[in-house]
Amino acid sequence: MKITKIETQIKNIELKTPFKTALRTTTHVEFVRVYVECDNGFIGIGEAPATKAITGEGIDDILESIQSLRELFLTFSPQEALSKLHNTKIGSSAKAALDMAFVQLLSFEAQKPLYEYFGAKDLSPLQTDVTISLNGVDEMLYDAKKAYDEGMKLLKVKVGSDITHALKVVKDIALALPNATILVDANQAWSLDDSLLFLQNIQETKIELIEQPVVASHLEGLKMITEASTIPILADESAFNLEDVKKVVESRSADMINIKFMKCGGVSKAIEILEYAREKQIPCMLGSMLEGPSSINMALHLAFAYRDVIKYIDLDSPLLYKEPSDELEFLFDGCEVTIK
C-alpha cells in the first residue's frame, strides 16, 4: 500500500453560540481536512483546526505546512510516511492532521476499526465534559443549568483573569447544581498570587480539578500551586509533547496531564504520552481544541482503548456544533458517548 495523492480542503462548522475562553473567542470551527489516498483506493482523513492562540498555527500555516511536504510522502507506505513526518519541522497541528490520516490508513490495512486497532476491549459508554464559555456570571449560570438539564452533568467552566468573577461563577454553578461535576479551566489567565487566592476561597466548593492556572512557561509557579492545592491541578499548555510531559511529571508540577493531538503532533504521539502516563500512573485528560468530526472520531476511538489512563474526556466539539454532523462515528446522549 503506497501513497499516491494528498489533498486538502478548508472546512467550517458554525457553533450554536460563541465559544469564549481567556485566550480567544470564535463563532465557527475552522479547520483543514487532509485526504491521503493510496494505490489500493484507501483514503485516510486527518484534520487540524486554526489554533493560532495556542499552537501558533492559523489555517494558512497549516495548509502551507502540509503542501510543503506533499511530495515527501508519495510512493511510501503509511508506516514509512509516519516515520518521515515526525522528523520534519512543521507545526504540531499540521503534523497532527497528517498523522491521523496515516494512522487511519494503517487501521484500514489491518482491517480493523480504529478502536480495535488501538486495542480497546471495553466498549461501554464514555463521558465527555461540555464547555461553559467565559461570559458574565448570570449568563454562565444560565448556560450551565441549560446544559445540565439537557443531560450534560460534567461541566468544564472557562474562567478568565478576574479572580472575583471566577470565584463567583464557580461557586454559583456549584450551589445551583450540586450534583454536577465541575472542572475549572483558567487557560493560563492567573498569576501565582491569584491562583493561591482562588484556592484559599474555593475550599468549601466541590470542584474536580483546576486546569492550567498560570502561563505555560511558569512551571515553578505551577508546582507551587500544585503543592498548595487539595484540588488536583491539570497541566495543559505546559505539556505539549512527551518531553514537556516528562518535565511536568518529574518535577511534580501538576497532578494530571491534558493530552491533545494538536499539541503533541497527532494520535501516534498521543499514544506515546498515554503509554508513559500508564507506566507512571499519571491520570490524564484526553482533550481537544474546537475540532471537526474526523479528529473527534479519532480521539474517541483512542479514548476507548486507554480508559484506564484517561480519567476525563474533553471532546465536546460535536455538542457545540449548531447542526449535528453526519460524519460522526459516535452517538452523543448528553455527555454519554457510545460507538454507533
C-alpha atoms as a PDB file:
ATOM      1  CA  MET A   1       0.000   0.000   0.000  1.00  0.00           C
ATOM      2  CA  LYS A   2       1.665   3.177  -1.256  1.00  0.00           C
ATOM      3  CA  ILE A   3       0.582   6.807  -1.004  1.00  0.00           C
ATOM      4  CA  THR A   4      -0.359   8.300  -4.367  1.00  0.00           C
ATOM      5  CA  LYS A   5      -2.134  11.571  -3.588  1.00  0.00           C
ATOM      6  CA  ILE A   6      -2.512  14.135  -0.777  1.00  0.00           C
ATOM      7  CA  GLU A   7      -5.205  16.821  -0.996  1.00  0.00           C
ATOM      8  CA  THR A   8      -6.528  19.463   1.398  1.00  0.00           C
ATOM      9  CA  GLN A   9      -9.792  21.317   1.987  1.00  0.00           C
ATOM     10  CA  ILE A  10     -10.780  24.169   4.292  1.00  0.00           C
ATOM     11  CA  LYS A  11     -13.929  23.387   6.263  1.00  0.00           C
ATOM     12  CA  ASN A  12     -16.158  25.458   8.559  1.00  0.00           C
ATOM     13  CA  ILE A  13     -18.771  24.394  11.098  1.00  0.00           C
ATOM     14  CA  GLU A  14     -20.944  27.021  12.761  1.00  0.00           C
ATOM     15  CA  LEU A  15     -21.337  26.873  16.534  1.00  0.00           C
ATOM     16  CA  LYS A  16     -24.589  27.223  18.487  1.00  0.00           C
ATOM     17  CA  THR A  17     -23.161  30.154  20.445  1.00  0.00           C
ATOM     18  CA  PRO A  18     -19.778  31.942  20.522  1.00  0.00           C
ATOM     19  CA  PHE A  19     -17.038  29.939  22.242  1.00  0.00           C
ATOM     20  CA  LYS A  20     -15.131  32.157  24.671  1.00  0.00           C
ATOM     21  CA  THR A  21     -12.058  31.454  26.775  1.00  0.00           C
ATOM     22  CA  ALA A  22      -9.348  33.616  28.337  1.00  0.00           C
ATOM     23  CA  LEU A  23      -7.380  33.153  25.091  1.00  0.00           C
ATOM     24  CA  ARG A  24      -9.906  33.618  22.288  1.00  0.00           C
ATOM     25  CA  THR A  25     -13.484  33.972  21.045  1.00  0.00           C
ATOM     26  CA  THR A  26     -14.833  32.219  17.962  1.00  0.00           C
ATOM     27  CA  THR A  27     -18.191  31.515  16.313  1.00  0.00           C
ATOM     28  CA  HIS A  28     -17.023  28.692  13.997  1.00  0.00           C
ATOM     29  CA  VAL A  29     -14.858  25.622  13.955  1.00  0.00           C
ATOM     30  CA  GLU A  30     -12.486  26.342  11.075  1.00  0.00           C
ATOM     31  CA  PHE A  31     -10.148  23.536  10.096  1.00  0.00           C
ATOM     32  CA  VAL A  32      -8.050  21.978   7.364  1.00  0.00           C
ATOM     33  CA  ARG A  33      -9.038  18.491   6.274  1.00  0.00           C
ATOM     34  CA  VAL A  34      -6.381  16.401   4.566  1.00  0.00           C
ATOM     35  CA  TYR A  35      -7.086  13.377   2.356  1.00  0.00           C
ATOM     36  CA  VAL A  36      -4.298  10.841   1.845  1.00  0.00           C
ATOM     37  CA  GLU A  37      -5.033   8.339  -0.932  1.00  0.00           C
ATOM     38  CA  CYS A  38      -3.218   5.065  -1.568  1.00  0.00           C
ATOM     39  CA  ASP A  39      -2.794   2.930  -4.673  1.00  0.00           C
ATOM     40  CA  ASN A  40      -5.398   0.434  -3.411  1.00  0.00           C
ATOM     41  CA  GLY A  41      -8.066   3.142  -3.181  1.00  0.00           C
ATOM     42  CA  PHE A  42      -7.980   3.588   0.623  1.00  0.00           C
ATOM     43  CA  ILE A  43      -8.277   7.211   1.755  1.00  0.00           C
ATOM     44  CA  GLY A  44      -7.154   8.332   5.189  1.00  0.00           C
ATOM     45  CA  ILE A  45      -8.567  11.555   6.626  1.00  0.00           C
ATOM     46  CA  GLY A  46      -6.984  13.923   9.120  1.00  0.00           C
ATOM     47  CA  GLU A  47      -7.938  17.368  10.408  1.00  0.00           C
ATOM     48  CA  ALA A  48      -6.353  20.356  12.087  1.00  0.00           C
ATOM     49  CA  PRO A  49      -8.192  23.459  13.305  1.00  0.00           C
ATOM     50  CA  ALA A  50      -6.849  27.001  13.338  1.00  0.00           C
ATOM     51  CA  THR A  51      -5.267  27.346  16.800  1.00  0.00           C
ATOM     52  CA  LYS A  52      -3.151  30.474  16.466  1.00  0.00           C
ATOM     53  CA  ALA A  53      -3.520  31.414  20.137  1.00  0.00           C
ATOM     54  CA  ILE A  54      -2.266  28.011  21.282  1.00  0.00           C
ATOM     55  CA  THR A  55      -0.042  26.315  18.701  1.00  0.00           C
ATOM     56  CA  GLY A  56       0.756  29.434  16.652  1.00  0.00           C
ATOM     57  CA  GLU A  57      -0.856  27.975  13.519  1.00  0.00           C
ATOM     58  CA  GLY A  58      -3.617  29.575  11.517  1.00  0.00           C
ATOM     59  CA  ILE A  59      -5.371  27.968   8.552  1.00  0.00           C
ATOM     60  CA  ASP A  60      -2.811  29.273   6.045  1.00  0.00           C
ATOM     61  CA  ASP A  61       0.069  27.992   8.175  1.00  0.00           C
ATOM     62  CA  ILE A  62      -1.429  24.519   8.322  1.00  0.00           C
ATOM     63  CA  LEU A  63      -2.137  24.462   4.594  1.00  0.00           C
ATOM     64  CA  GLU A  64       1.359  25.647   3.717  1.00  0.00           C
ATOM     65  CA  SER A  65       2.959  23.080   6.024  1.00  0.00           C
ATOM     66  CA  ILE A  66       1.018  20.175   4.520  1.00  0.00           C
ATOM     67  CA  GLN A  67       1.588  21.365   0.967  1.00  0.00           C
ATOM     68  CA  SER A  68       5.327  21.749   1.600  1.00  0.00           C
ATOM     69  CA  LEU A  69       5.541  18.044   2.454  1.00  0.00           C
ATOM     70  CA  ARG A  70       3.135  16.698  -0.139  1.00  0.00           C
ATOM     71  CA  GLU A  71       5.854  15.248  -2.394  1.00  0.00           C
ATOM     72  CA  LEU A  72       7.830  13.808   0.521  1.00  0.00           C
ATOM     73  CA  PHE A  73       5.324  11.041   1.232  1.00  0.00           C
ATOM     74  CA  LEU A  74       4.391   9.959  -2.292  1.00  0.00           C
ATOM     75  CA  THR A  75       5.255   6.310  -3.150  1.00  0.00           C
ATOM     76  CA  PHE A  76       5.863   5.500   0.530  1.00  0.00           C
ATOM     77  CA  SER A  77       3.689   3.293   2.749  1.00  0.00           C
ATOM     78  CA  PRO A  78       1.678   4.947   5.539  1.00  0.00           C
ATOM     79  CA  GLN A  79       4.074   3.487   8.125  1.00  0.00           C
ATOM     80  CA  GLU A  80       7.095   4.889   6.296  1.00  0.00           C
ATOM     81  CA  ALA A  81       5.319   8.233   5.888  1.00  0.00           C
ATOM     82  CA  LEU A  82       4.568   8.318   9.619  1.00  0.00           C
ATOM     83  CA  SER A  83       8.268   7.931  10.427  1.00  0.00           C
ATOM     84  CA  LYS A  84       9.235  10.624   7.943  1.00  0.00           C
ATOM     85  CA  LEU A  85       6.555  13.006   9.231  1.00  0.00           C
ATOM     86  CA  HIS A  86       7.899  13.164  12.761  1.00  0.00           C
ATOM     87  CA  ASN A  87      11.376  14.039  11.532  1.00  0.00           C
ATOM     88  CA  THR A  88      10.072  17.218   9.889  1.00  0.00           C
ATOM     89  CA  LYS A  89       9.932  20.709  11.441  1.00  0.00           C
ATOM     90  CA  ILE A  90       6.348  21.724  10.627  1.00  0.00           C
ATOM     91  CA  GLY A  91       3.835  22.872  13.258  1.00  0.00           C
ATOM     92  CA  SER A  92       2.210  20.392  15.608  1.00  0.00           C
ATOM     93  CA  SER A  93      -1.336  20.869  14.253  1.00  0.00           C
ATOM     94  CA  ALA A  94      -0.290  20.254  10.640  1.00  0.00           C
ATOM     95  CA  LYS A  95       1.607  17.177  11.821  1.00  0.00           C
ATOM     96  CA  ALA A  96      -1.473  16.004  13.685  1.00  0.00           C
ATOM     97  CA  ALA A  97      -3.650  16.125  10.559  1.00  0.00           C
ATOM     98  CA  LEU A  98      -1.202  14.056   8.504  1.00  0.00           C
ATOM     99  CA  ASP A  99      -0.513  11.707  11.413  1.00  0.00           C
ATOM    100  CA  MET A 100      -4.233  10.974  11.797  1.00  0.00           C
ATOM    101  CA  ALA A 101      -4.616  10.206   8.105  1.00  0.00           C
ATOM    102  CA  PHE A 102      -1.617   7.854   8.088  1.00  0.00           C
ATOM    103  CA  VAL A 103      -2.832   6.034  11.218  1.00  0.00           C
ATOM    104  CA  GLN A 104      -6.297   5.620   9.743  1.00  0.00           C
ATOM    105  CA  LEU A 105      -4.726   4.045   6.658  1.00  0.00           C
ATOM    106  CA  LEU A 106      -2.836   1.624   8.899  1.00  0.00           C
ATOM    107  CA  SER A 107      -6.118   0.587  10.527  1.00  0.00           C
ATOM    108  CA  PHE A 108      -7.613   0.003   7.077  1.00  0.00           C
ATOM    109  CA  GLU A 109      -4.600  -2.121   6.177  1.00  0.00           C
ATOM    110  CA  ALA A 110      -5.077  -4.141   9.386  1.00  0.00           C
ATOM    111  CA  GLN A 111      -8.791  -4.497   8.524  1.00  0.00           C
ATOM    112  CA  LYS A 112      -9.800  -3.281  11.968  1.00  0.00           C
ATOM    113  CA  PRO A 113     -11.970  -0.396  13.180  1.00  0.00           C
ATOM    114  CA  LEU A 114      -9.864   2.226  14.914  1.00  0.00           C
ATOM    115  CA  TYR A 115     -10.952   1.357  18.451  1.00  0.00           C
ATOM    116  CA  GLU A 116      -9.908  -2.271  17.833  1.00  0.00           C
ATOM    117  CA  TYR A 117      -6.678  -1.184  16.120  1.00  0.00           C
ATOM    118  CA  PHE A 118      -5.843   0.828  19.258  1.00  0.00           C
ATOM    119  CA  GLY A 119      -6.573  -2.211  21.448  1.00  0.00           C
ATOM    120  CA  ALA A 120      -9.923  -1.314  23.025  1.00  0.00           C
ATOM    121  CA  LYS A 121     -11.655  -4.150  24.853  1.00  0.00           C
ATOM    122  CA  ASP A 122     -14.314  -2.348  26.916  1.00  0.00           C
ATOM    123  CA  LEU A 123     -16.814  -0.585  24.647  1.00  0.00           C
ATOM    124  CA  SER A 124     -19.210   0.562  27.359  1.00  0.00           C
ATOM    125  CA  PRO A 125     -20.163   4.274  27.111  1.00  0.00           C
ATOM    126  CA  LEU A 126     -17.727   7.058  27.918  1.00  0.00           C
ATOM    127  CA  GLN A 127     -18.468  10.508  29.356  1.00  0.00           C
ATOM    128  CA  THR A 128     -17.238  13.765  27.845  1.00  0.00           C
ATOM    129  CA  ASP A 129     -17.460  17.121  29.560  1.00  0.00           C
ATOM    130  CA  VAL A 130     -19.177  20.099  27.949  1.00  0.00           C
ATOM    131  CA  THR A 131     -17.689  23.594  27.931  1.00  0.00           C
ATOM    132  CA  ILE A 132     -19.356  26.538  29.628  1.00  0.00           C
ATOM    133  CA  SER A 133     -17.858  29.529  27.799  1.00  0.00           C
ATOM    134  CA  LEU A 134     -16.471  32.586  29.550  1.00  0.00           C
ATOM    135  CA  ASN A 135     -19.191  35.233  29.896  1.00  0.00           C
ATOM    136  CA  GLY A 136     -20.894  37.233  32.627  1.00  0.00           C
ATOM    137  CA  VAL A 137     -21.818  35.337  35.782  1.00  0.00           C
ATOM    138  CA  ASP A 138     -25.555  35.231  35.072  1.00  0.00           C
ATOM    139  CA  GLU A 139     -25.065  34.056  31.500  1.00  0.00           C
ATOM    140  CA  MET A 140     -22.628  31.316  32.553  1.00  0.00           C
ATOM    141  CA  LEU A 141     -25.017  30.143  35.265  1.00  0.00           C
ATOM    142  CA  TYR A 142     -27.859  30.034  32.724  1.00  0.00           C
ATOM    143  CA  ASP A 143     -25.684  28.076  30.256  1.00  0.00           C
ATOM    144  CA  ALA A 144     -24.615  25.631  32.971  1.00  0.00           C
ATOM    145  CA  LYS A 145     -28.212  24.993  34.065  1.00  0.00           C
ATOM    146  CA  LYS A 146     -29.319  24.532  30.448  1.00  0.00           C
ATOM    147  CA  ALA A 147     -26.517  22.045  29.751  1.00  0.00           C
ATOM    148  CA  TYR A 148     -27.293  20.150  32.953  1.00  0.00           C
ATOM    149  CA  ASP A 149     -30.990  19.963  32.099  1.00  0.00           C
ATOM    150  CA  GLU A 150     -30.018  18.505  28.710  1.00  0.00           C
ATOM    151  CA  GLY A 151     -28.167  15.654  30.399  1.00  0.00           C
ATOM    152  CA  MET A 152     -24.688  17.173  30.485  1.00  0.00           C
ATOM    153  CA  LYS A 153     -23.575  16.602  34.061  1.00  0.00           C
ATOM    154  CA  LEU A 154     -19.830  17.126  33.530  1.00  0.00           C
ATOM    155  CA  LEU A 155     -19.175  20.858  33.119  1.00  0.00           C
ATOM    156  CA  LYS A 156     -15.889  22.473  32.117  1.00  0.00           C
ATOM    157  CA  VAL A 157     -16.182  26.058  33.298  1.00  0.00           C
ATOM    158  CA  LYS A 158     -13.963  28.570  31.489  1.00  0.00           C
ATOM    159  CA  VAL A 159     -12.732  31.449  33.634  1.00  0.00           C
ATOM    160  CA  GLY A 160     -10.537  34.483  32.990  1.00  0.00           C
ATOM    161  CA  SER A 161      -8.104  36.746  34.785  1.00  0.00           C
ATOM    162  CA  ASP A 162     -10.742  38.294  37.066  1.00  0.00           C
ATOM    163  CA  ILE A 163     -10.474  36.114  40.191  1.00  0.00           C
ATOM    164  CA  THR A 164     -13.545  37.713  41.779  1.00  0.00           C
ATOM    165  CA  HIS A 165     -15.561  36.714  38.703  1.00  0.00           C
ATOM    166  CA  ALA A 166     -14.012  33.230  38.660  1.00  0.00           C
ATOM    167  CA  LEU A 167     -14.861  32.585  42.300  1.00  0.00           C
ATOM    168  CA  LYS A 168     -18.378  33.935  41.916  1.00  0.00           C
ATOM    169  CA  VAL A 169     -19.261  31.922  38.823  1.00  0.00           C
ATOM    170  CA  VAL A 170     -17.781  28.643  40.077  1.00  0.00           C
ATOM    171  CA  LYS A 171     -19.481  28.970  43.458  1.00  0.00           C
ATOM    172  CA  ASP A 172     -22.831  29.924  41.910  1.00  0.00           C
ATOM    173  CA  ILE A 173     -22.770  26.977  39.491  1.00  0.00           C
ATOM    174  CA  ALA A 174     -21.746  24.554  42.248  1.00  0.00           C
ATOM    175  CA  LEU A 175     -24.518  25.847  44.530  1.00  0.00           C
ATOM    176  CA  ALA A 176     -27.186  25.713  41.826  1.00  0.00           C
ATOM    177  CA  LEU A 177     -26.113  22.297  40.500  1.00  0.00           C
ATOM    178  CA  PRO A 178     -24.853  20.281  43.495  1.00  0.00           C
ATOM    179  CA  ASN A 179     -24.866  17.021  41.521  1.00  0.00           C
ATOM    180  CA  ALA A 180     -22.830  18.381  38.613  1.00  0.00           C
ATOM    181  CA  THR A 181     -19.135  17.586  38.233  1.00  0.00           C
ATOM    182  CA  ILE A 182     -17.237  20.854  37.772  1.00  0.00           C
ATOM    183  CA  LEU A 183     -13.864  21.282  36.088  1.00  0.00           C
ATOM    184  CA  VAL A 184     -12.340  24.784  36.211  1.00  0.00           C
ATOM    185  CA  ASP A 185     -10.175  25.905  33.269  1.00  0.00           C
ATOM    186  CA  ALA A 186      -8.227  29.161  33.581  1.00  0.00           C
ATOM    187  CA  ASN A 187      -6.350  28.845  30.263  1.00  0.00           C
ATOM    188  CA  GLN A 188      -3.158  30.434  31.739  1.00  0.00           C
ATOM    189  CA  ALA A 189      -5.068  33.554  32.847  1.00  0.00           C
ATOM    190  CA  TRP A 190      -3.989  33.763  36.507  1.00  0.00           C
ATOM    191  CA  SER A 191      -0.884  34.934  38.317  1.00  0.00           C
ATOM    192  CA  LEU A 192       0.607  32.812  41.063  1.00  0.00           C
ATOM    193  CA  ASP A 193      -0.904  35.101  43.711  1.00  0.00           C
ATOM    194  CA  ASP A 194      -4.332  34.980  42.067  1.00  0.00           C
ATOM    195  CA  SER A 195      -4.137  31.191  41.870  1.00  0.00           C
ATOM    196  CA  LEU A 196      -3.371  30.902  45.570  1.00  0.00           C
ATOM    197  CA  LEU A 197      -6.170  33.364  46.341  1.00  0.00           C
ATOM    198  CA  PHE A 198      -8.593  31.245  44.328  1.00  0.00           C
ATOM    199  CA  LEU A 199      -7.513  28.131  46.239  1.00  0.00           C
ATOM    200  CA  GLN A 200      -7.970  29.843  49.606  1.00  0.00           C
ATOM    201  CA  ASN A 201     -11.512  30.894  48.742  1.00  0.00           C
ATOM    202  CA  ILE A 202     -12.778  27.775  46.987  1.00  0.00           C
ATOM    203  CA  GLN A 203     -12.168  25.213  49.744  1.00  0.00           C
ATOM    204  CA  GLU A 204     -15.839  24.822  50.637  1.00  0.00           C
ATOM    205  CA  THR A 205     -16.875  24.387  46.995  1.00  0.00           C
ATOM    206  CA  LYS A 206     -16.814  20.971  45.353  1.00  0.00           C
ATOM    207  CA  ILE A 207     -14.763  21.032  42.145  1.00  0.00           C
ATOM    208  CA  GLU A 208     -12.864  18.187  40.486  1.00  0.00           C
ATOM    209  CA  LEU A 209      -9.774  19.962  39.162  1.00  0.00           C
ATOM    210  CA  ILE A 210      -8.192  23.261  38.120  1.00  0.00           C
ATOM    211  CA  GLU A 211      -6.653  23.364  34.653  1.00  0.00           C
ATOM    212  CA  GLN A 212      -3.565  25.396  33.709  1.00  0.00           C
ATOM    213  CA  PRO A 213      -3.932  28.333  36.117  1.00  0.00           C
ATOM    214  CA  VAL A 214      -0.659  30.074  35.132  1.00  0.00           C
ATOM    215  CA  VAL A 215       1.225  30.685  31.889  1.00  0.00           C
ATOM    216  CA  ALA A 216       2.675  27.586  30.273  1.00  0.00           C
ATOM    217  CA  SER A 217       6.317  28.510  30.888  1.00  0.00           C
ATOM    218  CA  HIS A 218       5.844  29.131  34.634  1.00  0.00           C
ATOM    219  CA  LEU A 219       6.481  25.553  35.782  1.00  0.00           C
ATOM    220  CA  GLU A 220       7.818  26.703  39.127  1.00  0.00           C
ATOM    221  CA  GLY A 221       4.581  28.578  39.804  1.00  0.00           C
ATOM    222  CA  LEU A 222       2.511  25.614  38.627  1.00  0.00           C
ATOM    223  CA  LYS A 223       4.432  23.395  41.049  1.00  0.00           C
ATOM    224  CA  MET A 224       3.827  25.806  43.946  1.00  0.00           C
ATOM    225  CA  ILE A 225       0.101  25.818  43.177  1.00  0.00           C
ATOM    226  CA  THR A 226       0.022  22.022  42.985  1.00  0.00           C
ATOM    227  CA  GLU A 227       1.779  21.728  46.334  1.00  0.00           C
ATOM    228  CA  ALA A 228      -0.634  24.208  47.941  1.00  0.00           C
ATOM    229  CA  SER A 229      -3.791  22.682  46.493  1.00  0.00           C
ATOM    230  CA  THR A 230      -6.047  19.942  47.794  1.00  0.00           C
ATOM    231  CA  ILE A 231      -7.741  20.075  44.374  1.00  0.00           C
ATOM    232  CA  PRO A 232      -5.929  18.233  41.538  1.00  0.00           C
ATOM    233  CA  ILE A 233      -4.065  20.544  39.143  1.00  0.00           C
ATOM    234  CA  LEU A 234      -4.136  19.685  35.440  1.00  0.00           C
ATOM    235  CA  ALA A 235      -1.331  20.802  33.097  1.00  0.00           C
ATOM    236  CA  ASP A 236      -2.463  21.701  29.580  1.00  0.00           C
ATOM    237  CA  GLU A 237      -0.403  24.292  27.706  1.00  0.00           C
ATOM    238  CA  SER A 238       2.610  23.410  29.900  1.00  0.00           C
ATOM    239  CA  ALA A 239       2.560  19.897  28.420  1.00  0.00           C
ATOM    240  CA  PHE A 240       2.610  19.977  24.622  1.00  0.00           C
ATOM    241  CA  ASN A 241       4.642  16.870  23.853  1.00  0.00           C
ATOM    242  CA  LEU A 242       6.212  13.873  25.592  1.00  0.00           C
ATOM    243  CA  GLU A 243       9.312  15.846  26.545  1.00  0.00           C
ATOM    244  CA  ASP A 244       7.141  18.523  28.208  1.00  0.00           C
ATOM    245  CA  VAL A 245       5.050  15.873  29.941  1.00  0.00           C
ATOM    246  CA  LYS A 246       8.151  14.254  31.392  1.00  0.00           C
ATOM    247  CA  LYS A 247       9.317  17.623  32.757  1.00  0.00           C
ATOM    248  CA  VAL A 248       5.952  18.251  34.408  1.00  0.00           C
ATOM    249  CA  VAL A 249       5.748  14.749  35.865  1.00  0.00           C
ATOM    250  CA  GLU A 250       9.362  14.512  37.030  1.00  0.00           C
ATOM    251  CA  SER A 251       9.226  17.952  38.676  1.00  0.00           C
ATOM    252  CA  ARG A 252       5.804  17.152  40.179  1.00  0.00           C
ATOM    253  CA  SER A 253       4.497  20.407  38.782  1.00  0.00           C
ATOM    254  CA  ALA A 254       0.977  19.057  38.230  1.00  0.00           C
ATOM    255  CA  ASP A 255      -1.156  16.098  39.242  1.00  0.00           C
ATOM    256  CA  MET A 256      -2.594  15.381  35.800  1.00  0.00           C
ATOM    257  CA  ILE A 257      -1.846  15.937  32.107  1.00  0.00           C
ATOM    258  CA  ASN A 258      -4.159  17.128  29.316  1.00  0.00           C
ATOM    259  CA  ILE A 259      -3.225  15.402  26.040  1.00  0.00           C
ATOM    260  CA  LYS A 260      -4.320  16.956  22.751  1.00  0.00           C
ATOM    261  CA  PHE A 261      -3.461  15.830  19.228  1.00  0.00           C
ATOM    262  CA  MET A 262      -2.899  19.398  18.087  1.00  0.00           C
ATOM    263  CA  LYS A 263      -0.272  19.988  20.770  1.00  0.00           C
ATOM    264  CA  CYS A 264       1.680  16.748  20.515  1.00  0.00           C
ATOM    265  CA  GLY A 265       1.520  16.161  16.744  1.00  0.00           C
ATOM    266  CA  GLY A 266      -1.161  13.520  16.308  1.00  0.00           C
ATOM    267  CA  VAL A 267      -2.576  10.265  17.558  1.00  0.00           C
ATOM    268  CA  SER A 268       0.692   8.298  17.343  1.00  0.00           C
ATOM    269  CA  LYS A 269       2.376  10.873  19.616  1.00  0.00           C
ATOM    270  CA  ALA A 270      -0.624  10.913  21.956  1.00  0.00           C
ATOM    271  CA  ILE A 271      -0.200   7.151  22.330  1.00  0.00           C
ATOM    272  CA  GLU A 272       3.435   7.652  23.365  1.00  0.00           C
ATOM    273  CA  ILE A 273       2.292  10.048  26.104  1.00  0.00           C
ATOM    274  CA  LEU A 274      -0.501   7.713  27.209  1.00  0.00           C
ATOM    275  CA  GLU A 275       1.922   4.792  27.461  1.00  0.00           C
ATOM    276  CA  TYR A 276       4.264   6.921  29.571  1.00  0.00           C
ATOM    277  CA  ALA A 277       1.358   8.046  31.762  1.00  0.00           C
ATOM    278  CA  ARG A 278       0.226   4.444  32.163  1.00  0.00           C
ATOM    279  CA  GLU A 279       3.721   3.439  33.245  1.00  0.00           C
ATOM    280  CA  LYS A 280       3.980   6.342  35.720  1.00  0.00           C
ATOM    281  CA  GLN A 281       0.355   6.007  36.848  1.00  0.00           C
ATOM    282  CA  ILE A 282      -0.414   9.630  35.941  1.00  0.00           C
ATOM    283  CA  PRO A 283      -4.122  10.258  35.273  1.00  0.00           C
ATOM    284  CA  CYS A 284      -4.857  12.160  32.074  1.00  0.00           C
ATOM    285  CA  MET A 285      -7.490  14.147  30.295  1.00  0.00           C
ATOM    286  CA  LEU A 286      -7.855  13.488  26.574  1.00  0.00           C
ATOM    287  CA  GLY A 287      -8.732  16.916  25.279  1.00  0.00           C
ATOM    288  CA  SER A 288      -9.182  18.813  22.062  1.00  0.00           C
ATOM    289  CA  MET A 289      -9.349  22.239  20.577  1.00  0.00           C
ATOM    290  CA  LEU A 290     -12.581  23.124  18.781  1.00  0.00           C
ATOM    291  CA  GLU A 291     -12.261  20.428  16.126  1.00  0.00           C
ATOM    292  CA  GLY A 292     -14.015  18.795  13.212  1.00  0.00           C
ATOM    293  CA  PRO A 293     -15.754  15.414  13.320  1.00  0.00           C
ATOM    294  CA  SER A 294     -12.900  13.316  11.909  1.00  0.00           C
ATOM    295  CA  SER A 295     -10.385  14.357  14.562  1.00  0.00           C
ATOM    296  CA  ILE A 296     -13.020  13.945  17.296  1.00  0.00           C
ATOM    297  CA  ASN A 297     -13.752  10.455  15.920  1.00  0.00           C
ATOM    298  CA  MET A 298     -10.065   9.570  16.115  1.00  0.00           C
ATOM    299  CA  ALA A 299      -9.747  10.850  19.697  1.00  0.00           C
ATOM    300  CA  LEU A 300     -12.820   8.962  20.885  1.00  0.00           C
ATOM    301  CA  HIS A 301     -11.604   5.701  19.340  1.00  0.00           C
ATOM    302  CA  LEU A 302      -8.367   6.201  21.270  1.00  0.00           C
ATOM    303  CA  ALA A 303     -10.234   7.030  24.485  1.00  0.00           C
ATOM    304  CA  PHE A 304     -11.925   3.622  24.462  1.00  0.00           C
ATOM    305  CA  ALA A 305      -8.507   1.935  24.348  1.00  0.00           C
ATOM    306  CA  TYR A 306      -6.948   3.961  27.181  1.00  0.00           C
ATOM    307  CA  ARG A 307      -9.840   4.316  29.598  1.00  0.00           C
ATOM    308  CA  ASP A 308      -7.581   3.075  32.433  1.00  0.00           C
ATOM    309  CA  VAL A 309      -5.323   6.138  31.969  1.00  0.00           C
ATOM    310  CA  ILE A 310      -7.825   8.741  30.761  1.00  0.00           C
ATOM    311  CA  LYS A 311      -9.808   9.987  33.746  1.00  0.00           C
ATOM    312  CA  TYR A 312     -11.552  12.838  31.910  1.00  0.00           C
ATOM    313  CA  ILE A 313     -12.555  13.335  28.285  1.00  0.00           C
ATOM    314  CA  ASP A 314     -12.875  16.839  26.839  1.00  0.00           C
ATOM    315  CA  LEU A 315     -14.168  16.043  23.353  1.00  0.00           C
ATOM    316  CA  ASP A 316     -17.321  18.117  23.318  1.00  0.00           C
ATOM    317  CA  SER A 317     -16.983  19.897  19.962  1.00  0.00           C
ATOM    318  CA  PRO A 318     -19.936  17.987  18.424  1.00  0.00           C
ATOM    319  CA  LEU A 319     -22.131  19.163  21.329  1.00  0.00           C
ATOM    320  CA  LEU A 320     -21.287  22.754  20.376  1.00  0.00           C
ATOM    321  CA  TYR A 321     -21.986  22.482  16.629  1.00  0.00           C
ATOM    322  CA  LYS A 322     -25.083  24.394  15.512  1.00  0.00           C
ATOM    323  CA  GLU A 323     -26.182  21.412  13.405  1.00  0.00           C
ATOM    324  CA  PRO A 324     -25.458  17.720  14.131  1.00  0.00           C
ATOM    325  CA  SER A 325     -22.701  16.193  11.997  1.00  0.00           C
ATOM    326  CA  ASP A 326     -23.474  13.066   9.957  1.00  0.00           C
ATOM    327  CA  GLU A 327     -19.726  12.298   9.841  1.00  0.00           C
ATOM    328  CA  LEU A 328     -19.503  11.294  13.498  1.00  0.00           C
ATOM    329  CA  GLU A 329     -18.944   7.616  14.272  1.00  0.00           C
ATOM    330  CA  PHE A 330     -20.364   8.072  17.777  1.00  0.00           C
ATOM    331  CA  LEU A 331     -23.697   8.891  19.378  1.00  0.00           C
ATOM    332  CA  PHE A 332     -23.880  11.688  21.954  1.00  0.00           C
ATOM    333  CA  ASP A 333     -26.639  11.458  24.554  1.00  0.00           C
ATOM    334  CA  GLY A 334     -25.992  14.359  26.905  1.00  0.00           C
ATOM    335  CA  CYS A 335     -22.381  13.743  27.938  1.00  0.00           C
ATOM    336  CA  GLU A 336     -22.580   9.993  27.263  1.00  0.00           C
ATOM    337  CA  VAL A 337     -20.756   8.753  24.167  1.00  0.00           C
ATOM    338  CA  THR A 338     -21.287   5.388  22.502  1.00  0.00           C
ATOM    339  CA  ILE A 339     -19.992   3.834  19.300  1.00  0.00           C
ATOM    340  CA  LYS A 340     -22.579   3.748  16.506  1.00  0.00           C
END
